[in-house]
Amino acid sequence: MISAELDFDPYTVWLNVKASQRPLNPYELLGLEPLEENQARLRAMITRKRDMLLARRPEGDPVVWQALYDELEAAIATLQSTERKTVLDATLRRRGLGSVPAELASSAAPHSSHN
């Protein structure tokens, strides 16, 4: 996470992040809903956020820019890794930060037998 001592918030200014709570989870950093499963939306936001940040490189403080770039790439790596995303999603569910999609909820629900 980038130091709070800055005069501006690079998350908001450079990446248009709406969430004010820090640290951001990978979904928040990329502007996605928690537990996002749509791969097309994920790819689109990866491209968009990378482009937004790369456009700010010439004007940004190099240390701050690199720290945010590294954080963005770590978030992308997490969401593109099945294993890491599964762990993140389970953590968010435990914290109540995401809803369980209906198809997962129904398949995970115990089946009652009527014998």
N, C-alpha and C. Protein backbone atom coordinates (compact mmCIF):
# COMPACT_ATOMS: atom_id res chain seq x y z
N MET A 1 0.85 -1.18 0.00
CA MET A 1 0.00 0.00 0.00
C MET A 1 0.89 1.24 0.00
N ILE A 2 0.48 2.24 -0.69
CA ILE A 2 1.25 3.47 -0.83
C ILE A 2 1.03 4.34 0.40
N SER A 3 2.09 5.02 0.80
CA SER A 3 2.07 5.87 2.00
C SER A 3 0.94 6.89 1.98
N ALA A 4 0.36 7.10 3.15
CA ALA A 4 -0.73 8.07 3.29
C ALA A 4 -0.19 9.50 3.40
N GLU A 5 1.12 9.68 3.33
CA GLU A 5 1.72 11.00 3.49
C GLU A 5 1.66 11.84 2.21
N LEU A 6 1.12 11.31 1.15
CA LEU A 6 1.08 12.03 -0.11
C LEU A 6 0.02 13.12 -0.08
N ASP A 7 0.24 14.15 -0.90
CA ASP A 7 -0.73 15.25 -1.00
C ASP A 7 -1.93 14.85 -1.85
N PHE A 8 -1.82 13.76 -2.57
CA PHE A 8 -2.92 13.30 -3.40
C PHE A 8 -3.01 11.78 -3.27
N ASP A 9 -4.13 11.25 -3.66
CA ASP A 9 -4.34 9.80 -3.61
C ASP A 9 -4.15 9.23 -5.01
N PRO A 10 -3.03 8.56 -5.27
CA PRO A 10 -2.78 8.04 -6.61
C PRO A 10 -3.81 7.00 -7.05
N TYR A 11 -4.42 6.30 -6.09
CA TYR A 11 -5.46 5.33 -6.43
C TYR A 11 -6.64 6.03 -7.10
N THR A 12 -7.02 7.16 -6.52
CA THR A 12 -8.16 7.92 -7.05
C THR A 12 -7.76 8.69 -8.31
N VAL A 13 -6.64 9.39 -8.26
CA VAL A 13 -6.23 10.25 -9.37
C VAL A 13 -5.76 9.44 -10.58
N TRP A 14 -4.96 8.44 -10.36
CA TRP A 14 -4.38 7.70 -11.48
C TRP A 14 -5.23 6.52 -11.94
N LEU A 15 -5.98 5.88 -11.02
CA LEU A 15 -6.72 4.67 -11.38
C LEU A 15 -8.24 4.82 -11.25
N ASN A 16 -8.68 6.00 -10.83
CA ASN A 16 -10.11 6.27 -10.68
C ASN A 16 -10.79 5.27 -9.76
N VAL A 17 -10.12 4.92 -8.67
CA VAL A 17 -10.66 4.00 -7.67
C VAL A 17 -11.64 4.76 -6.79
N LYS A 18 -12.83 4.22 -6.64
CA LYS A 18 -13.87 4.88 -5.85
C LYS A 18 -13.81 4.52 -4.37
N ALA A 19 -13.36 3.33 -4.03
CA ALA A 19 -13.32 2.88 -2.64
C ALA A 19 -12.37 3.76 -1.83
N SER A 20 -12.82 4.17 -0.66
CA SER A 20 -11.98 5.04 0.17
C SER A 20 -11.23 4.26 1.24
N GLN A 21 -11.70 3.08 1.56
CA GLN A 21 -11.05 2.26 2.59
C GLN A 21 -9.76 1.67 2.03
N ARG A 22 -8.71 1.67 2.81
CA ARG A 22 -7.44 1.09 2.41
C ARG A 22 -7.02 0.06 3.44
N PRO A 23 -6.33 -0.98 3.08
CA PRO A 23 -5.86 -1.31 1.74
C PRO A 23 -7.01 -1.83 0.87
N LEU A 24 -6.77 -1.77 -0.41
CA LEU A 24 -7.74 -2.23 -1.39
C LEU A 24 -7.51 -3.71 -1.68
N ASN A 25 -8.60 -4.44 -1.90
CA ASN A 25 -8.40 -5.82 -2.35
C ASN A 25 -8.26 -5.78 -3.88
N PRO A 26 -7.83 -6.87 -4.50
CA PRO A 26 -7.63 -6.85 -5.95
C PRO A 26 -8.85 -6.45 -6.76
N TYR A 27 -10.03 -6.84 -6.32
CA TYR A 27 -11.25 -6.45 -7.04
C TYR A 27 -11.44 -4.94 -6.99
N GLU A 28 -11.27 -4.36 -5.82
CA GLU A 28 -11.43 -2.90 -5.68
C GLU A 28 -10.41 -2.15 -6.51
N LEU A 29 -9.17 -2.62 -6.50
CA LEU A 29 -8.11 -1.96 -7.26
C LEU A 29 -8.43 -1.95 -8.75
N LEU A 30 -9.02 -3.03 -9.22
CA LEU A 30 -9.36 -3.13 -10.64
C LEU A 30 -10.75 -2.60 -10.97
N GLY A 31 -11.49 -2.15 -9.98
CA GLY A 31 -12.82 -1.60 -10.23
C GLY A 31 -13.86 -2.66 -10.55
N LEU A 32 -13.69 -3.84 -9.98
CA LEU A 32 -14.61 -4.95 -10.21
C LEU A 32 -15.46 -5.21 -8.97
N GLU A 33 -16.59 -5.86 -9.18
CA GLU A 33 -17.42 -6.29 -8.06
C GLU A 33 -16.71 -7.44 -7.35
N PRO A 34 -16.89 -7.55 -6.05
CA PRO A 34 -16.29 -8.69 -5.33
C PRO A 34 -16.75 -10.01 -5.95
N LEU A 35 -15.84 -10.95 -6.05
CA LEU A 35 -16.09 -12.30 -6.56
C LEU A 35 -16.42 -12.34 -8.05
N GLU A 36 -16.02 -11.32 -8.78
CA GLU A 36 -16.29 -11.24 -10.23
C GLU A 36 -15.81 -12.53 -10.91
N GLU A 37 -16.67 -13.12 -11.72
CA GLU A 37 -16.33 -14.35 -12.44
C GLU A 37 -16.22 -14.13 -13.95
N ASN A 38 -16.71 -13.01 -14.46
CA ASN A 38 -16.74 -12.75 -15.89
C ASN A 38 -15.32 -12.44 -16.38
N GLN A 39 -14.75 -13.39 -17.13
CA GLN A 39 -13.37 -13.24 -17.61
C GLN A 39 -13.21 -12.11 -18.62
N ALA A 40 -14.23 -11.85 -19.42
CA ALA A 40 -14.15 -10.74 -20.38
C ALA A 40 -14.10 -9.41 -19.63
N ARG A 41 -14.90 -9.27 -18.58
CA ARG A 41 -14.89 -8.05 -17.78
C ARG A 41 -13.54 -7.89 -17.07
N LEU A 42 -13.01 -8.99 -16.55
CA LEU A 42 -11.70 -8.96 -15.89
C LEU A 42 -10.62 -8.51 -16.86
N ARG A 43 -10.59 -9.10 -18.04
CA ARG A 43 -9.57 -8.72 -19.04
C ARG A 43 -9.71 -7.25 -19.44
N ALA A 44 -10.95 -6.79 -19.60
CA ALA A 44 -11.18 -5.40 -19.99
C ALA A 44 -10.68 -4.44 -18.92
N MET A 45 -10.93 -4.76 -17.66
CA MET A 45 -10.50 -3.87 -16.58
C MET A 45 -8.98 -3.92 -16.39
N ILE A 46 -8.39 -5.07 -16.61
CA ILE A 46 -6.92 -5.15 -16.55
C ILE A 46 -6.32 -4.21 -17.58
N THR A 47 -6.80 -4.30 -18.80
CA THR A 47 -6.30 -3.43 -19.87
C THR A 47 -6.53 -1.97 -19.53
N ARG A 48 -7.74 -1.66 -19.08
CA ARG A 48 -8.09 -0.27 -18.77
C ARG A 48 -7.20 0.30 -17.66
N LYS A 49 -7.05 -0.44 -16.56
CA LYS A 49 -6.27 0.08 -15.43
C LYS A 49 -4.78 0.18 -15.77
N ARG A 50 -4.26 -0.80 -16.51
CA ARG A 50 -2.86 -0.71 -16.95
C ARG A 50 -2.66 0.53 -17.81
N ASP A 51 -3.54 0.74 -18.76
CA ASP A 51 -3.44 1.90 -19.65
C ASP A 51 -3.52 3.21 -18.86
N MET A 52 -4.45 3.27 -17.91
CA MET A 52 -4.60 4.48 -17.10
C MET A 52 -3.30 4.78 -16.35
N LEU A 53 -2.72 3.74 -15.76
CA LEU A 53 -1.50 3.95 -14.97
C LEU A 53 -0.31 4.27 -15.87
N LEU A 54 -0.18 3.58 -16.97
CA LEU A 54 0.94 3.85 -17.89
C LEU A 54 0.88 5.28 -18.43
N ALA A 55 -0.31 5.81 -18.62
CA ALA A 55 -0.45 7.18 -19.10
C ALA A 55 0.07 8.19 -18.09
N ARG A 56 0.09 7.83 -16.82
CA ARG A 56 0.54 8.74 -15.76
C ARG A 56 2.04 8.63 -15.45
N ARG A 57 2.69 7.65 -16.05
CA ARG A 57 4.11 7.41 -15.75
C ARG A 57 4.99 8.63 -15.96
N PRO A 58 4.87 9.36 -17.08
CA PRO A 58 5.77 10.49 -17.32
C PRO A 58 5.65 11.60 -16.27
N GLU A 59 4.48 11.80 -15.72
CA GLU A 59 4.26 12.90 -14.78
C GLU A 59 4.35 12.49 -13.32
N GLY A 60 4.27 11.20 -13.05
CA GLY A 60 4.21 10.72 -11.67
C GLY A 60 5.56 10.60 -11.01
N ASP A 61 5.54 10.69 -9.69
CA ASP A 61 6.74 10.42 -8.90
C ASP A 61 7.13 8.97 -9.20
N PRO A 62 8.36 8.72 -9.63
CA PRO A 62 8.75 7.36 -10.04
C PRO A 62 8.59 6.31 -8.94
N VAL A 63 8.88 6.67 -7.71
CA VAL A 63 8.77 5.71 -6.61
C VAL A 63 7.31 5.37 -6.35
N VAL A 64 6.46 6.38 -6.31
CA VAL A 64 5.03 6.18 -6.07
C VAL A 64 4.41 5.42 -7.24
N TRP A 65 4.77 5.82 -8.45
CA TRP A 65 4.24 5.16 -9.63
C TRP A 65 4.61 3.68 -9.64
N GLN A 66 5.87 3.38 -9.37
CA GLN A 66 6.33 1.98 -9.39
C GLN A 66 5.64 1.16 -8.31
N ALA A 67 5.45 1.73 -7.14
CA ALA A 67 4.77 1.02 -6.05
C ALA A 67 3.33 0.68 -6.45
N LEU A 68 2.64 1.63 -7.07
CA LEU A 68 1.27 1.38 -7.49
C LEU A 68 1.23 0.38 -8.65
N TYR A 69 2.18 0.49 -9.55
CA TYR A 69 2.26 -0.46 -10.66
C TYR A 69 2.46 -1.88 -10.13
N ASP A 70 3.38 -2.04 -9.18
CA ASP A 70 3.63 -3.35 -8.59
C ASP A 70 2.39 -3.89 -7.88
N GLU A 71 1.68 -3.02 -7.18
CA GLU A 71 0.44 -3.42 -6.49
C GLU A 71 -0.62 -3.85 -7.51
N LEU A 72 -0.74 -3.11 -8.60
CA LEU A 72 -1.70 -3.45 -9.65
C LEU A 72 -1.36 -4.81 -10.26
N GLU A 73 -0.10 -5.02 -10.58
CA GLU A 73 0.32 -6.29 -11.18
C GLU A 73 0.11 -7.46 -10.22
N ALA A 74 0.31 -7.25 -8.94
CA ALA A 74 0.06 -8.30 -7.94
C ALA A 74 -1.44 -8.63 -7.89
N ALA A 75 -2.28 -7.61 -7.97
CA ALA A 75 -3.73 -7.81 -7.98
C ALA A 75 -4.14 -8.60 -9.22
N ILE A 76 -3.57 -8.24 -10.36
CA ILE A 76 -3.87 -8.93 -11.61
C ILE A 76 -3.45 -10.40 -11.51
N ALA A 77 -2.25 -10.64 -11.00
CA ALA A 77 -1.76 -12.01 -10.85
C ALA A 77 -2.68 -12.83 -9.95
N THR A 78 -3.17 -12.21 -8.89
CA THR A 78 -4.07 -12.92 -7.97
C THR A 78 -5.36 -13.31 -8.67
N LEU A 79 -5.95 -12.38 -9.41
CA LEU A 79 -7.23 -12.66 -10.06
C LEU A 79 -7.11 -13.57 -11.28
N GLN A 80 -5.91 -13.68 -11.83
CA GLN A 80 -5.70 -14.57 -12.97
C GLN A 80 -5.27 -15.98 -12.56
N SER A 81 -4.94 -16.16 -11.29
CA SER A 81 -4.54 -17.46 -10.78
C SER A 81 -5.75 -18.12 -10.12
N THR A 82 -6.12 -19.27 -10.63
CA THR A 82 -7.28 -19.97 -10.07
C THR A 82 -7.12 -20.21 -8.58
N GLU A 83 -5.95 -20.67 -8.17
CA GLU A 83 -5.73 -20.98 -6.76
C GLU A 83 -5.78 -19.73 -5.88
N ARG A 84 -5.08 -18.69 -6.31
CA ARG A 84 -5.04 -17.46 -5.51
C ARG A 84 -6.40 -16.77 -5.46
N LYS A 85 -7.12 -16.79 -6.58
CA LYS A 85 -8.45 -16.18 -6.61
C LYS A 85 -9.40 -16.95 -5.69
N THR A 86 -9.30 -18.27 -5.68
CA THR A 86 -10.15 -19.09 -4.81
C THR A 86 -9.92 -18.75 -3.35
N VAL A 87 -8.67 -18.59 -2.96
CA VAL A 87 -8.35 -18.21 -1.59
C VAL A 87 -8.88 -16.81 -1.27
N LEU A 88 -8.66 -15.86 -2.18
CA LEU A 88 -9.17 -14.50 -1.99
C LEU A 88 -10.69 -14.50 -1.85
N ASP A 89 -11.37 -15.20 -2.75
CA ASP A 89 -12.83 -15.24 -2.71
C ASP A 89 -13.34 -15.84 -1.41
N ALA A 90 -12.71 -16.90 -0.94
CA ALA A 90 -13.12 -17.52 0.33
C ALA A 90 -12.91 -16.54 1.48
N THR A 91 -11.81 -15.81 1.45
CA THR A 91 -11.54 -14.81 2.50
C THR A 91 -12.59 -13.71 2.47
N LEU A 92 -12.92 -13.22 1.29
CA LEU A 92 -13.94 -12.16 1.17
C LEU A 92 -15.30 -12.66 1.64
N ARG A 93 -15.63 -13.89 1.31
CA ARG A 93 -16.92 -14.44 1.77
C ARG A 93 -16.97 -14.52 3.29
N ARG A 94 -15.88 -14.98 3.90
CA ARG A 94 -15.82 -15.06 5.37
C ARG A 94 -16.00 -13.69 6.00
N ARG A 95 -15.47 -12.67 5.35
CA ARG A 95 -15.58 -11.31 5.87
C ARG A 95 -16.89 -10.64 5.47
N GLY A 96 -17.71 -11.34 4.71
CA GLY A 96 -18.99 -10.78 4.29
C GLY A 96 -18.86 -9.71 3.24
N LEU A 97 -17.78 -9.75 2.44
CA LEU A 97 -17.54 -8.71 1.43
C LEU A 97 -17.97 -9.10 0.04
N GLY A 98 -18.67 -10.17 -0.08
CA GLY A 98 -19.16 -10.58 -1.39
C GLY A 98 -20.31 -11.52 -1.23
N SER A 99 -21.16 -11.54 -2.21
CA SER A 99 -22.29 -12.46 -2.16
C SER A 99 -21.91 -13.72 -2.91
N VAL A 100 -22.51 -14.80 -2.52
CA VAL A 100 -22.27 -16.06 -3.20
C VAL A 100 -23.24 -16.14 -4.37
N PRO A 101 -22.72 -16.33 -5.58
CA PRO A 101 -23.62 -16.45 -6.73
C PRO A 101 -24.64 -17.55 -6.50
N ALA A 102 -25.84 -17.36 -7.00
CA ALA A 102 -26.95 -18.28 -6.75
C ALA A 102 -26.61 -19.72 -7.14
N GLU A 103 -25.94 -19.90 -8.29
CA GLU A 103 -25.63 -21.26 -8.72
C GLU A 103 -24.66 -21.95 -7.76
N LEU A 104 -23.75 -21.19 -7.15
CA LEU A 104 -22.85 -21.77 -6.17
C LEU A 104 -23.57 -22.05 -4.86
N ALA A 105 -24.43 -21.16 -4.46
CA ALA A 105 -25.16 -21.33 -3.21
C ALA A 105 -26.05 -22.57 -3.27
N SER A 106 -26.72 -22.78 -4.41
CA SER A 106 -27.61 -23.92 -4.50
C SER A 106 -26.82 -25.23 -4.58
N SER A 107 -25.66 -25.22 -5.23
CA SER A 107 -24.88 -26.45 -5.31
C SER A 107 -24.15 -26.75 -4.02
N ALA A 108 -23.89 -25.73 -3.20
CA ALA A 108 -23.20 -25.91 -1.94
C ALA A 108 -24.17 -26.23 -0.80
N ALA A 109 -25.46 -25.97 -1.02
CA ALA A 109 -26.44 -26.21 0.03
C ALA A 109 -26.61 -27.70 0.26
N PRO A 110 -26.76 -28.10 1.52
CA PRO A 110 -26.96 -29.53 1.79
C PRO A 110 -28.29 -29.98 1.20
N HIS A 111 -28.26 -31.16 0.62
CA HIS A 111 -29.49 -31.71 0.03
C HIS A 111 -30.20 -32.53 1.09
N SER A 112 -31.44 -32.25 1.30
CA SER A 112 -32.19 -33.03 2.29
C SER A 112 -32.82 -34.23 1.59
N SER A 113 -32.83 -35.33 2.27
CA SER A 113 -33.45 -36.51 1.68
C SER A 113 -34.83 -36.68 2.29
N HIS A 114 -35.73 -37.05 1.48
CA HIS A 114 -37.11 -37.24 1.92
C HIS A 114 -37.44 -38.72 1.86
N ASN A 115 -36.70 -39.55 2.55
CA ASN A 115 -36.95 -41.00 2.54
C ASN A 115 -37.98 -41.36 3.54
